[in-house]
């Protein structure tokens, strides 16, 4: 995906405030943070959404979850965090590359969903 925003960040074509990187995933600060800690964790290879993930993607998706606590703690949320993966238009996905939001800080993040 040549024009994918997150693929371009992985390739170094667009700068990002990186906070974690290994062979499989990259984490960087959200440019519009919603909490004191707001980091995006992405696989380095393109997966459009969870709806497009396959069995072959299981290791990298697991890696994203496995490093989440370390990233949250390193960024100032050692006592917990919320992880969010939006999928597709109904789920509110804005960038069509799987990404997990890690949000937190020192105060509770509040209710998960607004009551309707």
C-alpha atoms as a PDB file:
ATOM      1  CA  UNK A   1       0.000   0.000   0.000  1.00  0.00           C
ATOM      2  CA  UNK A   2       2.179   2.810  -1.304  1.00  0.00           C
ATOM      3  CA  UNK A   3      -0.110   5.677  -0.249  1.00  0.00           C
ATOM      4  CA  UNK A   4      -1.184   4.324   3.140  1.00  0.00           C
ATOM      5  CA  UNK A   5      -0.350   6.930   5.790  1.00  0.00           C
ATOM      6  CA  UNK A   6       0.893   4.391   8.324  1.00  0.00           C
ATOM      7  CA  UNK A   7       2.908   2.454   5.727  1.00  0.00           C
ATOM      8  CA  UNK A   8       4.612   5.736   4.844  1.00  0.00           C
ATOM      9  CA  UNK A   9       5.403   6.287   8.545  1.00  0.00           C
ATOM     10  CA  UNK A  10       6.899   2.772   8.738  1.00  0.00           C
ATOM     11  CA  UNK A  11       9.070   3.554   5.673  1.00  0.00           C
ATOM     12  CA  UNK A  12      10.239   6.814   7.265  1.00  0.00           C
ATOM     13  CA  UNK A  13       8.627   9.022   4.612  1.00  0.00           C
ATOM     14  CA  UNK A  14       6.491  10.807   7.213  1.00  0.00           C
ATOM     15  CA  UNK A  15       7.904  11.695  10.631  1.00  0.00           C
ATOM     16  CA  UNK A  16       6.318  10.331  13.792  1.00  0.00           C
ATOM     17  CA  UNK A  17       7.136  10.608  17.496  1.00  0.00           C
ATOM     18  CA  UNK A  18       8.175   6.965  17.890  1.00  0.00           C
ATOM     19  CA  UNK A  19       8.010   5.466  21.370  1.00  0.00           C
ATOM     20  CA  UNK A  20       8.595   1.777  20.553  1.00  0.00           C
ATOM     21  CA  UNK A  21       9.787  -0.266  17.606  1.00  0.00           C
ATOM     22  CA  UNK A  22      10.776  -3.857  16.961  1.00  0.00           C
ATOM     23  CA  UNK A  23      10.884  -6.072  13.870  1.00  0.00           C
ATOM     24  CA  UNK A  24       7.094  -6.454  13.723  1.00  0.00           C
ATOM     25  CA  UNK A  25       5.442  -3.361  15.214  1.00  0.00           C
ATOM     26  CA  UNK A  26       5.884   0.376  15.548  1.00  0.00           C
ATOM     27  CA  UNK A  27       4.329   2.632  18.204  1.00  0.00           C
ATOM     28  CA  UNK A  28       4.130   6.412  18.050  1.00  0.00           C
ATOM     29  CA  UNK A  29       2.281   9.248  19.743  1.00  0.00           C
ATOM     30  CA  UNK A  30      -1.105  10.204  18.306  1.00  0.00           C
ATOM     31  CA  UNK A  31      -0.981  13.657  16.691  1.00  0.00           C
ATOM     32  CA  UNK A  32      -4.375  14.498  18.226  1.00  0.00           C
ATOM     33  CA  UNK A  33      -4.165  12.936  21.706  1.00  0.00           C
ATOM     34  CA  UNK A  34      -7.412  12.375  23.571  1.00  0.00           C
ATOM     35  CA  UNK A  35      -5.717  11.518  26.897  1.00  0.00           C
ATOM     36  CA  UNK A  36      -2.359  12.370  28.516  1.00  0.00           C
ATOM     37  CA  UNK A  37      -1.119   9.036  27.122  1.00  0.00           C
ATOM     38  CA  UNK A  38      -2.316   8.326  23.578  1.00  0.00           C
ATOM     39  CA  UNK A  39      -0.138   6.070  21.460  1.00  0.00           C
ATOM     40  CA  UNK A  40      -0.858   4.168  18.247  1.00  0.00           C
ATOM     41  CA  UNK A  41       0.591   0.683  17.782  1.00  0.00           C
ATOM     42  CA  UNK A  42       0.700  -0.633  14.213  1.00  0.00           C
ATOM     43  CA  UNK A  43       1.990  -3.713  12.441  1.00  0.00           C
ATOM     44  CA  UNK A  44       4.843  -2.842  10.112  1.00  0.00           C
ATOM     45  CA  UNK A  45       3.226  -4.755   7.266  1.00  0.00           C
ATOM     46  CA  UNK A  46      -0.085  -3.516   5.902  1.00  0.00           C
ATOM     47  CA  UNK A  47      -3.297  -5.058   7.203  1.00  0.00           C
ATOM     48  CA  UNK A  48      -6.285  -2.940   6.210  1.00  0.00           C
ATOM     49  CA  UNK A  49      -8.439  -3.752   9.253  1.00  0.00           C
ATOM     50  CA  UNK A  50      -9.263  -6.585  11.631  1.00  0.00           C
ATOM     51  CA  UNK A  51     -11.932  -7.554   9.100  1.00  0.00           C
ATOM     52  CA  UNK A  52      -9.093  -8.197   6.626  1.00  0.00           C
ATOM     53  CA  UNK A  53      -6.791 -10.061   9.033  1.00  0.00           C
ATOM     54  CA  UNK A  54      -5.935 -13.681   8.344  1.00  0.00           C
ATOM     55  CA  UNK A  55      -4.433 -16.558  10.289  1.00  0.00           C
ATOM     56  CA  UNK A  56      -1.033 -15.396   9.005  1.00  0.00           C
ATOM     57  CA  UNK A  57      -1.524 -12.107  10.895  1.00  0.00           C
ATOM     58  CA  UNK A  58      -2.075 -13.753  14.296  1.00  0.00           C
ATOM     59  CA  UNK A  59       1.583 -13.409  15.434  1.00  0.00           C
ATOM     60  CA  UNK A  60       1.810  -9.669  14.737  1.00  0.00           C
ATOM     61  CA  UNK A  61      -1.627  -8.962  16.229  1.00  0.00           C
ATOM     62  CA  UNK A  62      -0.567 -10.873  19.329  1.00  0.00           C
ATOM     63  CA  UNK A  63       2.692  -8.919  19.415  1.00  0.00           C
ATOM     64  CA  UNK A  64       0.728  -5.647  19.436  1.00  0.00           C
ATOM     65  CA  UNK A  65      -1.163  -6.814  22.525  1.00  0.00           C
ATOM     66  CA  UNK A  66       1.950  -8.235  24.195  1.00  0.00           C
ATOM     67  CA  UNK A  67       3.872  -4.939  24.089  1.00  0.00           C
ATOM     68  CA  UNK A  68       0.921  -2.703  25.037  1.00  0.00           C
ATOM     69  CA  UNK A  69       1.525  -2.655  28.799  1.00  0.00           C
ATOM     70  CA  UNK A  70       5.225  -1.860  28.411  1.00  0.00           C
ATOM     71  CA  UNK A  71       4.427   1.007  26.049  1.00  0.00           C
ATOM     72  CA  UNK A  72       1.676   2.360  28.335  1.00  0.00           C
ATOM     73  CA  UNK A  73       3.903   2.171  31.412  1.00  0.00           C
ATOM     74  CA  UNK A  74       6.856   3.783  29.631  1.00  0.00           C
ATOM     75  CA  UNK A  75       4.603   6.633  28.489  1.00  0.00           C
ATOM     76  CA  UNK A  76       3.205   7.377  31.958  1.00  0.00           C
ATOM     77  CA  UNK A  77       0.283   4.997  32.457  1.00  0.00           C
ATOM     78  CA  UNK A  78       1.720   2.178  34.624  1.00  0.00           C
ATOM     79  CA  UNK A  79      -1.522   1.461  36.495  1.00  0.00           C
ATOM     80  CA  UNK A  80      -3.616   0.561  33.477  1.00  0.00           C
ATOM     81  CA  UNK A  81      -4.764   1.770  30.097  1.00  0.00           C
ATOM     82  CA  UNK A  82      -7.438   1.208  27.503  1.00  0.00           C
ATOM     83  CA  UNK A  83      -6.639  -0.478  24.208  1.00  0.00           C
ATOM     84  CA  UNK A  84      -8.933   0.263  21.289  1.00  0.00           C
ATOM     85  CA  UNK A  85      -8.966  -1.158  17.757  1.00  0.00           C
ATOM     86  CA  UNK A  86     -11.601   0.488  15.568  1.00  0.00           C
ATOM     87  CA  UNK A  87     -12.668  -1.615  12.584  1.00  0.00           C
ATOM     88  CA  UNK A  88     -14.363  -0.295   9.455  1.00  0.00           C
ATOM     89  CA  UNK A  89     -16.731   2.645   9.084  1.00  0.00           C
ATOM     90  CA  UNK A  90     -19.183   1.516  11.771  1.00  0.00           C
ATOM     91  CA  UNK A  91     -16.311   1.008  14.214  1.00  0.00           C
ATOM     92  CA  UNK A  92     -14.926   4.475  13.520  1.00  0.00           C
ATOM     93  CA  UNK A  93     -11.719   3.429  11.741  1.00  0.00           C
ATOM     94  CA  UNK A  94     -10.229   6.532  10.108  1.00  0.00           C
ATOM     95  CA  UNK A  95      -6.930   5.179   8.751  1.00  0.00           C
ATOM     96  CA  UNK A  96      -7.257   1.953   6.794  1.00  0.00           C
ATOM     97  CA  UNK A  97      -4.286   0.201   8.389  1.00  0.00           C
ATOM     98  CA  UNK A  98      -4.859  -1.824  11.572  1.00  0.00           C
ATOM     99  CA  UNK A  99      -3.874   0.230  14.592  1.00  0.00           C
ATOM    100  CA  UNK A 100      -4.415  -0.041  18.301  1.00  0.00           C
ATOM    101  CA  UNK A 101      -4.907   3.054  20.406  1.00  0.00           C
ATOM    102  CA  UNK A 102      -3.355   2.904  23.866  1.00  0.00           C
ATOM    103  CA  UNK A 103      -4.962   5.597  26.019  1.00  0.00           C
ATOM    104  CA  UNK A 104      -4.376   6.322  29.665  1.00  0.00           C
ATOM    105  CA  UNK A 105      -2.621   8.504  32.177  1.00  0.00           C
ATOM    106  CA  UNK A 106      -3.022   8.931  35.900  1.00  0.00           C
ATOM    107  CA  UNK A 107      -6.831   9.373  35.944  1.00  0.00           C
ATOM    108  CA  UNK A 108      -9.410   6.715  34.933  1.00  0.00           C
ATOM    109  CA  UNK A 109     -10.345   6.908  31.257  1.00  0.00           C
ATOM    110  CA  UNK A 110     -14.096   6.866  31.954  1.00  0.00           C
ATOM    111  CA  UNK A 111     -16.922   4.816  30.472  1.00  0.00           C
ATOM    112  CA  UNK A 112     -16.137   2.695  27.445  1.00  0.00           C
ATOM    113  CA  UNK A 113     -19.204   3.679  25.436  1.00  0.00           C
ATOM    114  CA  UNK A 114     -21.609   6.555  25.569  1.00  0.00           C
ATOM    115  CA  UNK A 115     -25.047   5.336  26.559  1.00  0.00           C
ATOM    116  CA  UNK A 116     -27.677   5.719  23.844  1.00  0.00           C
END
